[in-house]
Amino acid sequence: MKLMIASDIHGSAYYCRELIERFRLEKPEKLILLGDILYHGPRNALPKDYNPAEVAEMLNEIKDSILAIRGNCDSEVDQMMLHFPILSDSALVYFEGREFYLTHGHNDGETNPPPITKGTILLCGHTHVPKCQNYDGYIYVNPGSVSIPKEDSPHSYIVIEDSTIIWKDINGNVYMRREL
């Protein structure tokens, strides 16, 4: 089984199209979106080809393959445009015998984790910076941002397969890997 995880599309039709192309090539069972799907937010510049309605249309075409959680820029208005749920602040996913706690990262995150069991993988977006860090009792994982990467990181997503987390740029090139 294979999962694909992305975060922080922020309404970029260009990068959403690229992500969906990678999704079709990677062929995961699910695409997990860690929030900030349609709106760019007041702290970010407009991303390339900003078009939230087009992003919604593209994602709705693969709605049955998406599991999404709410980011700090997502709202009830966004939910009206999307045909899959986005308003849950968190989710638990069990995959390959591991527990994954999904949240955007603006409330619970890397240094202030939610109440999770020892060994949980904490998947967050929000910072737009790809990262994997061991902490006492959990592993923090961030895929970076699809459309507005920060700290000189690439436009990116991750794939989890065979107990391995693989960070890829939007062209599918591997730039980081972590065995679980």
N, C-alpha and C. Protein backbone atom coordinates (compact mmCIF):
# COMPACT_ATOMS: atom_id res chain seq x y z
N MET A 1 0.84 -1.19 0.00
CA MET A 1 0.00 0.00 0.00
C MET A 1 0.89 1.25 0.00
N LYS A 2 0.35 2.32 -0.56
CA LYS A 2 1.11 3.54 -0.72
C LYS A 2 0.22 4.74 -0.42
N LEU A 3 0.76 5.69 0.33
CA LEU A 3 0.08 6.96 0.61
C LEU A 3 0.89 8.09 0.01
N MET A 4 0.19 9.14 -0.40
CA MET A 4 0.84 10.36 -0.86
C MET A 4 0.33 11.48 0.03
N ILE A 5 1.23 12.31 0.54
CA ILE A 5 0.85 13.38 1.47
C ILE A 5 1.38 14.71 0.94
N ALA A 6 0.48 15.70 0.94
CA ALA A 6 0.85 17.04 0.49
C ALA A 6 0.17 18.06 1.38
N SER A 7 0.69 19.27 1.35
CA SER A 7 0.13 20.34 2.16
C SER A 7 0.30 21.68 1.47
N ASP A 8 -0.53 22.61 1.87
CA ASP A 8 -0.36 24.01 1.51
C ASP A 8 -0.36 24.27 0.01
N ILE A 9 -1.44 23.87 -0.66
CA ILE A 9 -1.63 24.18 -2.08
C ILE A 9 -1.94 25.67 -2.23
N HIS A 10 -2.67 26.24 -1.30
CA HIS A 10 -2.98 27.68 -1.25
C HIS A 10 -3.56 28.23 -2.55
N GLY A 11 -4.41 27.44 -3.21
CA GLY A 11 -5.13 27.95 -4.38
C GLY A 11 -4.35 28.01 -5.67
N SER A 12 -3.17 27.45 -5.73
CA SER A 12 -2.36 27.49 -6.95
C SER A 12 -2.83 26.41 -7.94
N ALA A 13 -3.47 26.85 -9.01
CA ALA A 13 -3.93 25.90 -10.03
C ALA A 13 -2.72 25.21 -10.69
N TYR A 14 -1.66 25.96 -10.90
CA TYR A 14 -0.46 25.38 -11.52
C TYR A 14 0.08 24.22 -10.69
N TYR A 15 0.32 24.46 -9.41
CA TYR A 15 0.92 23.41 -8.57
C TYR A 15 -0.07 22.31 -8.21
N CYS A 16 -1.35 22.62 -8.17
CA CYS A 16 -2.34 21.57 -7.97
C CYS A 16 -2.35 20.62 -9.16
N ARG A 17 -2.28 21.18 -10.35
CA ARG A 17 -2.22 20.36 -11.57
C ARG A 17 -0.98 19.46 -11.55
N GLU A 18 0.16 20.02 -11.15
CA GLU A 18 1.39 19.24 -11.05
C GLU A 18 1.25 18.13 -10.01
N LEU A 19 0.64 18.45 -8.87
CA LEU A 19 0.43 17.46 -7.81
C LEU A 19 -0.47 16.33 -8.30
N ILE A 20 -1.54 16.66 -8.98
CA ILE A 20 -2.45 15.63 -9.48
C ILE A 20 -1.76 14.77 -10.54
N GLU A 21 -0.92 15.36 -11.34
CA GLU A 21 -0.14 14.57 -12.30
C GLU A 21 0.77 13.59 -11.56
N ARG A 22 1.43 14.03 -10.49
CA ARG A 22 2.27 13.15 -9.69
C ARG A 22 1.41 12.06 -9.04
N PHE A 23 0.21 12.44 -8.57
CA PHE A 23 -0.72 11.49 -7.98
C PHE A 23 -1.05 10.37 -8.98
N ARG A 24 -1.32 10.74 -10.19
CA ARG A 24 -1.65 9.74 -11.22
C ARG A 24 -0.45 8.84 -11.54
N LEU A 25 0.74 9.40 -11.52
CA LEU A 25 1.95 8.61 -11.79
C LEU A 25 2.35 7.74 -10.59
N GLU A 26 2.20 8.27 -9.38
CA GLU A 26 2.57 7.53 -8.16
C GLU A 26 1.59 6.40 -7.86
N LYS A 27 0.32 6.61 -8.18
CA LYS A 27 -0.75 5.63 -7.96
C LYS A 27 -0.89 5.19 -6.49
N PRO A 28 -0.98 6.15 -5.56
CA PRO A 28 -1.21 5.76 -4.16
C PRO A 28 -2.67 5.40 -3.93
N GLU A 29 -2.93 4.73 -2.82
CA GLU A 29 -4.31 4.43 -2.46
C GLU A 29 -5.05 5.69 -2.02
N LYS A 30 -4.35 6.60 -1.36
CA LYS A 30 -4.96 7.84 -0.88
C LYS A 30 -4.00 9.01 -1.07
N LEU A 31 -4.59 10.17 -1.32
CA LEU A 31 -3.87 11.44 -1.29
C LEU A 31 -4.34 12.15 -0.02
N ILE A 32 -3.42 12.36 0.90
CA ILE A 32 -3.73 13.05 2.15
C ILE A 32 -3.30 14.50 2.01
N LEU A 33 -4.26 15.42 2.24
CA LEU A 33 -3.98 16.84 2.17
C LEU A 33 -4.02 17.40 3.59
N LEU A 34 -2.92 18.01 4.00
CA LEU A 34 -2.78 18.51 5.37
C LEU A 34 -3.18 19.98 5.52
N GLY A 35 -4.14 20.42 4.74
CA GLY A 35 -4.73 21.74 4.92
C GLY A 35 -4.18 22.85 4.04
N ASP A 36 -4.83 24.01 4.17
CA ASP A 36 -4.55 25.21 3.37
C ASP A 36 -4.64 24.88 1.88
N ILE A 37 -5.84 24.52 1.49
CA ILE A 37 -6.08 24.02 0.14
C ILE A 37 -6.39 25.12 -0.87
N LEU A 38 -7.37 25.99 -0.56
CA LEU A 38 -7.83 26.95 -1.56
C LEU A 38 -7.34 28.39 -1.36
N TYR A 39 -7.25 28.85 -0.15
CA TYR A 39 -6.95 30.26 0.10
C TYR A 39 -5.46 30.46 0.37
N HIS A 40 -4.91 31.56 -0.11
CA HIS A 40 -3.47 31.82 0.05
C HIS A 40 -3.12 32.39 1.41
N GLY A 41 -4.08 32.99 2.10
CA GLY A 41 -3.81 33.56 3.42
C GLY A 41 -3.20 34.94 3.32
N PRO A 42 -3.42 35.78 4.32
CA PRO A 42 -2.93 37.16 4.25
C PRO A 42 -1.42 37.31 4.41
N ARG A 43 -0.73 36.28 4.91
CA ARG A 43 0.72 36.38 5.11
C ARG A 43 1.52 35.91 3.91
N ASN A 44 0.84 35.29 2.93
CA ASN A 44 1.53 34.76 1.77
C ASN A 44 1.24 35.59 0.53
N ALA A 45 2.22 35.70 -0.34
CA ALA A 45 1.99 36.29 -1.65
C ALA A 45 1.11 35.33 -2.46
N LEU A 46 0.46 35.85 -3.47
CA LEU A 46 -0.34 34.98 -4.32
C LEU A 46 0.56 33.95 -4.99
N PRO A 47 0.19 32.67 -4.90
CA PRO A 47 1.01 31.65 -5.57
C PRO A 47 0.78 31.67 -7.07
N LYS A 48 1.63 30.98 -7.79
CA LYS A 48 1.56 30.89 -9.25
C LYS A 48 0.18 30.40 -9.68
N ASP A 49 -0.42 31.10 -10.63
CA ASP A 49 -1.74 30.75 -11.19
C ASP A 49 -2.79 30.58 -10.09
N TYR A 50 -2.90 31.56 -9.22
CA TYR A 50 -3.87 31.52 -8.13
C TYR A 50 -5.28 31.46 -8.70
N ASN A 51 -5.96 30.34 -8.45
CA ASN A 51 -7.32 30.16 -8.96
C ASN A 51 -8.02 29.10 -8.10
N PRO A 52 -8.50 29.49 -6.91
CA PRO A 52 -9.12 28.53 -5.99
C PRO A 52 -10.27 27.73 -6.61
N ALA A 53 -11.07 28.34 -7.47
CA ALA A 53 -12.19 27.61 -8.08
C ALA A 53 -11.67 26.48 -8.98
N GLU A 54 -10.61 26.74 -9.73
CA GLU A 54 -10.03 25.70 -10.58
C GLU A 54 -9.39 24.59 -9.73
N VAL A 55 -8.73 24.96 -8.63
CA VAL A 55 -8.17 23.97 -7.72
C VAL A 55 -9.27 23.07 -7.18
N ALA A 56 -10.38 23.67 -6.76
CA ALA A 56 -11.51 22.89 -6.25
C ALA A 56 -12.02 21.92 -7.31
N GLU A 57 -12.15 22.40 -8.52
CA GLU A 57 -12.64 21.55 -9.61
C GLU A 57 -11.70 20.36 -9.85
N MET A 58 -10.41 20.62 -9.88
CA MET A 58 -9.43 19.54 -10.11
C MET A 58 -9.47 18.51 -8.99
N LEU A 59 -9.50 18.98 -7.75
CA LEU A 59 -9.51 18.05 -6.61
C LEU A 59 -10.82 17.29 -6.53
N ASN A 60 -11.92 17.93 -6.89
CA ASN A 60 -13.22 17.24 -6.87
C ASN A 60 -13.25 16.06 -7.84
N GLU A 61 -12.46 16.13 -8.89
CA GLU A 61 -12.40 15.02 -9.86
C GLU A 61 -11.79 13.76 -9.25
N ILE A 62 -10.99 13.92 -8.18
CA ILE A 62 -10.38 12.75 -7.53
C ILE A 62 -10.84 12.64 -6.07
N LYS A 63 -11.99 13.18 -5.78
CA LYS A 63 -12.50 13.29 -4.40
C LYS A 63 -12.50 11.98 -3.63
N ASP A 64 -12.77 10.88 -4.29
CA ASP A 64 -12.84 9.59 -3.59
C ASP A 64 -11.47 9.10 -3.14
N SER A 65 -10.41 9.71 -3.64
CA SER A 65 -9.05 9.32 -3.27
C SER A 65 -8.44 10.24 -2.23
N ILE A 66 -9.19 11.26 -1.78
CA ILE A 66 -8.61 12.28 -0.90
C ILE A 66 -9.09 12.12 0.54
N LEU A 67 -8.15 12.27 1.46
CA LEU A 67 -8.43 12.43 2.89
C LEU A 67 -7.79 13.76 3.26
N ALA A 68 -8.60 14.71 3.74
CA ALA A 68 -8.08 16.05 4.02
C ALA A 68 -8.45 16.50 5.43
N ILE A 69 -7.59 17.33 5.97
CA ILE A 69 -7.87 17.98 7.25
C ILE A 69 -7.76 19.49 7.05
N ARG A 70 -8.28 20.22 8.02
CA ARG A 70 -8.39 21.67 7.94
C ARG A 70 -7.07 22.35 8.27
N GLY A 71 -6.73 23.34 7.47
CA GLY A 71 -5.60 24.21 7.77
C GLY A 71 -6.09 25.54 8.32
N ASN A 72 -5.17 26.37 8.74
CA ASN A 72 -5.57 27.65 9.32
C ASN A 72 -6.17 28.60 8.29
N CYS A 73 -5.99 28.34 6.99
CA CYS A 73 -6.59 29.17 5.95
C CYS A 73 -7.87 28.56 5.37
N ASP A 74 -8.28 27.39 5.82
CA ASP A 74 -9.48 26.73 5.30
C ASP A 74 -10.71 27.14 6.10
N SER A 75 -11.85 27.26 5.42
CA SER A 75 -13.07 27.71 6.10
C SER A 75 -14.30 26.98 5.56
N GLU A 76 -15.43 27.30 6.15
CA GLU A 76 -16.69 26.71 5.72
C GLU A 76 -16.99 27.08 4.26
N VAL A 77 -16.59 28.26 3.84
CA VAL A 77 -16.80 28.67 2.45
C VAL A 77 -16.02 27.75 1.52
N ASP A 78 -14.79 27.39 1.90
CA ASP A 78 -14.00 26.46 1.10
C ASP A 78 -14.69 25.11 1.00
N GLN A 79 -15.26 24.66 2.12
CA GLN A 79 -15.95 23.37 2.13
C GLN A 79 -17.11 23.36 1.14
N MET A 80 -17.74 24.51 0.94
CA MET A 80 -18.85 24.59 -0.02
C MET A 80 -18.37 24.33 -1.45
N MET A 81 -17.10 24.56 -1.73
CA MET A 81 -16.54 24.36 -3.07
C MET A 81 -16.01 22.94 -3.28
N LEU A 82 -15.69 22.25 -2.18
CA LEU A 82 -15.05 20.95 -2.28
C LEU A 82 -16.03 19.83 -1.97
N HIS A 83 -15.95 18.74 -2.70
CA HIS A 83 -16.88 17.61 -2.55
C HIS A 83 -16.32 16.49 -1.70
N PHE A 84 -15.38 16.82 -0.82
CA PHE A 84 -14.83 15.88 0.15
C PHE A 84 -14.62 16.69 1.43
N PRO A 85 -14.70 16.04 2.60
CA PRO A 85 -14.61 16.78 3.86
C PRO A 85 -13.22 17.38 4.10
N ILE A 86 -13.21 18.64 4.59
CA ILE A 86 -11.93 19.31 4.90
C ILE A 86 -11.94 19.98 6.28
N LEU A 87 -13.04 19.90 7.01
CA LEU A 87 -13.16 20.72 8.22
C LEU A 87 -12.77 20.03 9.52
N SER A 88 -12.29 18.82 9.47
CA SER A 88 -11.79 18.17 10.68
C SER A 88 -10.39 18.69 10.96
N ASP A 89 -10.13 19.04 12.22
CA ASP A 89 -8.82 19.56 12.59
C ASP A 89 -7.74 18.50 12.67
N SER A 90 -8.15 17.24 12.75
CA SER A 90 -7.16 16.16 12.86
C SER A 90 -7.79 14.84 12.44
N ALA A 91 -6.93 13.86 12.24
CA ALA A 91 -7.38 12.50 11.92
C ALA A 91 -6.29 11.53 12.33
N LEU A 92 -6.71 10.32 12.65
CA LEU A 92 -5.78 9.21 12.90
C LEU A 92 -5.86 8.24 11.74
N VAL A 93 -4.72 7.85 11.25
CA VAL A 93 -4.64 6.88 10.16
C VAL A 93 -3.70 5.77 10.60
N TYR A 94 -4.10 4.54 10.41
CA TYR A 94 -3.25 3.39 10.70
C TYR A 94 -2.79 2.82 9.37
N PHE A 95 -1.47 2.72 9.23
CA PHE A 95 -0.88 2.32 7.96
C PHE A 95 0.41 1.57 8.22
N GLU A 96 0.55 0.39 7.59
CA GLU A 96 1.78 -0.41 7.74
C GLU A 96 2.11 -0.67 9.21
N GLY A 97 1.07 -0.86 10.04
CA GLY A 97 1.27 -1.15 11.45
C GLY A 97 1.68 0.05 12.30
N ARG A 98 1.60 1.25 11.74
CA ARG A 98 1.97 2.47 12.46
C ARG A 98 0.76 3.39 12.60
N GLU A 99 0.81 4.23 13.63
CA GLU A 99 -0.23 5.22 13.84
C GLU A 99 0.28 6.57 13.32
N PHE A 100 -0.51 7.20 12.47
CA PHE A 100 -0.20 8.53 11.93
C PHE A 100 -1.27 9.49 12.41
N TYR A 101 -0.84 10.57 13.05
CA TYR A 101 -1.75 11.61 13.50
C TYR A 101 -1.61 12.78 12.53
N LEU A 102 -2.70 13.13 11.86
CA LEU A 102 -2.69 14.19 10.86
C LEU A 102 -3.27 15.47 11.44
N THR A 103 -2.55 16.55 11.31
CA THR A 103 -3.05 17.87 11.69
C THR A 103 -2.28 18.90 10.88
N HIS A 104 -2.83 20.08 10.73
CA HIS A 104 -2.16 21.09 9.91
C HIS A 104 -0.87 21.57 10.56
N GLY A 105 -0.89 21.77 11.86
CA GLY A 105 0.33 22.17 12.56
C GLY A 105 0.30 23.57 13.15
N HIS A 106 -0.76 24.30 12.93
CA HIS A 106 -0.81 25.66 13.46
C HIS A 106 -1.24 25.71 14.93
N ASN A 107 -1.92 24.69 15.42
CA ASN A 107 -2.27 24.59 16.84
C ASN A 107 -1.40 23.51 17.50
N ASP A 108 -1.63 22.28 17.12
CA ASP A 108 -0.77 21.18 17.56
C ASP A 108 0.29 20.98 16.49
N GLY A 109 1.54 20.82 16.92
CA GLY A 109 2.57 20.69 15.91
C GLY A 109 3.86 20.10 16.45
N GLU A 110 4.94 20.47 15.82
CA GLU A 110 6.24 19.87 16.08
C GLU A 110 6.64 19.90 17.55
N THR A 111 6.60 21.06 18.17
CA THR A 111 7.07 21.17 19.56
C THR A 111 5.93 21.24 20.57
N ASN A 112 4.70 21.22 20.10
CA ASN A 112 3.54 21.16 20.99
C ASN A 112 2.57 20.10 20.45
N PRO A 113 2.96 18.83 20.56
CA PRO A 113 2.15 17.76 19.97
C PRO A 113 0.82 17.58 20.71
N PRO A 114 -0.16 17.04 20.00
CA PRO A 114 -1.41 16.67 20.66
C PRO A 114 -1.16 15.46 21.54
N PRO A 115 -2.14 15.07 22.35
CA PRO A 115 -1.94 13.84 23.14
C PRO A 115 -1.93 12.62 22.20
N ILE A 116 -0.75 12.09 21.98
CA ILE A 116 -0.59 10.95 21.08
C ILE A 116 0.14 9.83 21.80
N THR A 117 -0.03 8.62 21.31
CA THR A 117 0.64 7.48 21.92
C THR A 117 2.10 7.41 21.46
N LYS A 118 2.91 6.79 22.28
CA LYS A 118 4.34 6.64 21.97
C LYS A 118 4.51 5.92 20.64
N GLY A 119 5.38 6.44 19.80
CA GLY A 119 5.66 5.84 18.50
C GLY A 119 4.85 6.41 17.36
N THR A 120 3.94 7.32 17.65
CA THR A 120 3.10 7.92 16.61
C THR A 120 3.93 8.79 15.67
N ILE A 121 3.55 8.78 14.39
CA ILE A 121 4.11 9.70 13.41
C ILE A 121 3.16 10.90 13.35
N LEU A 122 3.67 12.07 13.68
CA LEU A 122 2.88 13.30 13.66
C LEU A 122 3.12 13.99 12.32
N LEU A 123 2.10 13.96 11.44
CA LEU A 123 2.19 14.56 10.12
C LEU A 123 1.56 15.95 10.15
N CYS A 124 2.34 16.96 9.83
CA CYS A 124 1.88 18.35 9.83
C CYS A 124 2.35 19.06 8.57
N GLY A 125 1.61 20.09 8.20
CA GLY A 125 2.02 21.02 7.16
C GLY A 125 2.38 22.33 7.84
N HIS A 126 1.79 23.41 7.38
CA HIS A 126 1.79 24.74 7.97
C HIS A 126 3.10 25.51 7.82
N THR A 127 4.24 24.93 8.12
CA THR A 127 5.49 25.70 8.10
C THR A 127 6.04 25.85 6.69
N HIS A 128 5.59 25.02 5.76
CA HIS A 128 6.05 25.02 4.37
C HIS A 128 7.51 24.56 4.25
N VAL A 129 7.99 23.89 5.29
CA VAL A 129 9.38 23.43 5.32
C VAL A 129 9.40 21.91 5.53
N PRO A 130 9.96 21.15 4.59
CA PRO A 130 10.04 19.70 4.77
C PRO A 130 10.96 19.35 5.94
N LYS A 131 10.52 18.36 6.71
CA LYS A 131 11.31 18.01 7.89
C LYS A 131 10.91 16.64 8.41
N CYS A 132 11.87 16.00 9.06
CA CYS A 132 11.63 14.77 9.81
C CYS A 132 12.50 14.84 11.05
N GLN A 133 11.87 14.80 12.22
CA GLN A 133 12.60 14.97 13.47
C GLN A 133 12.09 13.99 14.51
N ASN A 134 13.00 13.26 15.13
CA ASN A 134 12.64 12.38 16.25
C ASN A 134 12.50 13.20 17.52
N TYR A 135 11.44 12.93 18.25
CA TYR A 135 11.24 13.51 19.58
C TYR A 135 10.97 12.37 20.53
N ASP A 136 11.01 12.63 21.80
CA ASP A 136 10.73 11.60 22.79
C ASP A 136 9.28 11.14 22.65
N GLY A 137 9.08 9.99 22.06
CA GLY A 137 7.75 9.41 21.95
C GLY A 137 7.07 9.55 20.61
N TYR A 138 7.57 10.41 19.72
CA TYR A 138 6.93 10.57 18.41
C TYR A 138 7.94 11.06 17.38
N ILE A 139 7.55 10.94 16.12
CA ILE A 139 8.35 11.44 15.01
C ILE A 139 7.52 12.51 14.30
N TYR A 140 8.10 13.70 14.16
CA TYR A 140 7.44 14.80 13.46
C TYR A 140 7.85 14.74 11.99
N VAL A 141 6.85 14.79 11.09
CA VAL A 141 7.10 14.74 9.65
C VAL A 141 6.31 15.85 8.97
N ASN A 142 6.98 16.61 8.11
CA ASN A 142 6.34 17.67 7.35
C ASN A 142 6.72 17.51 5.88
N PRO A 143 5.72 17.48 4.97
CA PRO A 143 6.03 17.32 3.55
C PRO A 143 6.52 18.58 2.86
N GLY A 144 6.50 19.73 3.55
CA GLY A 144 6.79 20.99 2.90
C GLY A 144 5.53 21.51 2.23
N SER A 145 5.68 22.42 1.29
CA SER A 145 4.53 23.02 0.61
C SER A 145 4.56 22.70 -0.87
N VAL A 146 3.38 22.43 -1.41
CA VAL A 146 3.26 22.21 -2.85
C VAL A 146 3.51 23.51 -3.60
N SER A 147 2.94 24.63 -3.12
CA SER A 147 2.97 25.85 -3.92
C SER A 147 3.82 27.01 -3.38
N ILE A 148 4.03 27.08 -2.06
CA ILE A 148 4.77 28.20 -1.49
C ILE A 148 5.84 27.67 -0.52
N PRO A 149 6.86 26.98 -1.03
CA PRO A 149 7.89 26.45 -0.14
C PRO A 149 8.69 27.57 0.52
N LYS A 150 9.21 27.28 1.69
CA LYS A 150 10.01 28.27 2.43
C LYS A 150 11.38 27.69 2.77
N GLU A 151 12.28 28.57 3.17
CA GLU A 151 13.65 28.22 3.54
C GLU A 151 14.38 27.47 2.43
N ASP A 152 14.21 27.94 1.21
CA ASP A 152 14.87 27.37 0.03
C ASP A 152 14.56 25.90 -0.22
N SER A 153 13.41 25.43 0.28
CA SER A 153 13.01 24.04 0.03
C SER A 153 12.27 23.96 -1.31
N PRO A 154 12.20 22.76 -1.89
CA PRO A 154 11.50 22.62 -3.17
C PRO A 154 9.98 22.55 -2.99
N HIS A 155 9.26 22.77 -4.07
CA HIS A 155 7.83 22.48 -4.12
C HIS A 155 7.74 20.97 -3.95
N SER A 156 7.05 20.49 -2.91
CA SER A 156 7.22 19.07 -2.60
C SER A 156 5.99 18.39 -2.01
N TYR A 157 6.13 17.06 -1.92
CA TYR A 157 5.15 16.16 -1.31
C TYR A 157 5.92 14.96 -0.79
N ILE A 158 5.24 14.08 -0.06
CA ILE A 158 5.89 12.84 0.36
C ILE A 158 5.04 11.64 -0.04
N VAL A 159 5.74 10.53 -0.14
CA VAL A 159 5.12 9.23 -0.38
C VAL A 159 5.56 8.33 0.76
N ILE A 160 4.62 7.57 1.29
CA ILE A 160 4.95 6.57 2.31
C ILE A 160 4.62 5.21 1.72
N GLU A 161 5.65 4.37 1.66
CA GLU A 161 5.49 3.04 1.09
C GLU A 161 6.53 2.12 1.71
N ASP A 162 6.11 0.91 2.06
CA ASP A 162 7.03 -0.09 2.62
C ASP A 162 7.84 0.46 3.79
N SER A 163 7.16 1.13 4.73
CA SER A 163 7.79 1.68 5.94
C SER A 163 8.89 2.70 5.64
N THR A 164 8.79 3.36 4.50
CA THR A 164 9.74 4.40 4.12
C THR A 164 8.98 5.67 3.77
N ILE A 165 9.47 6.79 4.30
CA ILE A 165 8.93 8.10 3.93
C ILE A 165 9.90 8.70 2.92
N ILE A 166 9.37 9.10 1.77
CA ILE A 166 10.19 9.63 0.69
C ILE A 166 9.69 11.03 0.33
N TRP A 167 10.58 12.02 0.47
CA TRP A 167 10.26 13.39 0.07
C TRP A 167 10.65 13.55 -1.39
N LYS A 168 9.71 14.11 -2.18
CA LYS A 168 9.97 14.32 -3.60
C LYS A 168 9.62 15.75 -3.97
N ASP A 169 10.39 16.29 -4.93
CA ASP A 169 10.00 17.59 -5.46
C ASP A 169 8.82 17.38 -6.40
N ILE A 170 8.22 18.44 -6.86
CA ILE A 170 6.99 18.35 -7.65
C ILE A 170 7.21 17.63 -8.99
N ASN A 171 8.47 17.42 -9.37
CA ASN A 171 8.78 16.66 -10.59
C ASN A 171 9.02 15.18 -10.30
N GLY A 172 8.89 14.79 -9.03
CA GLY A 172 9.07 13.39 -8.66
C GLY A 172 10.48 12.99 -8.29
N ASN A 173 11.39 13.95 -8.23
CA ASN A 173 12.78 13.65 -7.86
C ASN A 173 12.90 13.50 -6.35
N VAL A 174 13.51 12.41 -5.90
CA VAL A 174 13.69 12.15 -4.47
C VAL A 174 14.79 13.06 -3.93
N TYR A 175 14.53 13.74 -2.82
CA TYR A 175 15.58 14.56 -2.20
C TYR A 175 15.80 14.25 -0.73
N MET A 176 14.94 13.40 -0.14
CA MET A 176 15.14 12.99 1.24
C MET A 176 14.37 11.69 1.46
N ARG A 177 14.88 10.87 2.37
CA ARG A 177 14.26 9.57 2.64
C ARG A 177 14.46 9.24 4.11
N ARG A 178 13.47 8.55 4.69
CA ARG A 178 13.56 8.15 6.09
C ARG A 178 12.87 6.79 6.27
N GLU A 179 13.61 5.83 6.81
CA GLU A 179 13.04 4.53 7.14
C GLU A 179 12.34 4.64 8.48
N LEU A 180 11.17 4.04 8.59
CA LEU A 180 10.45 4.06 9.87
C LEU A 180 10.83 2.87 10.73
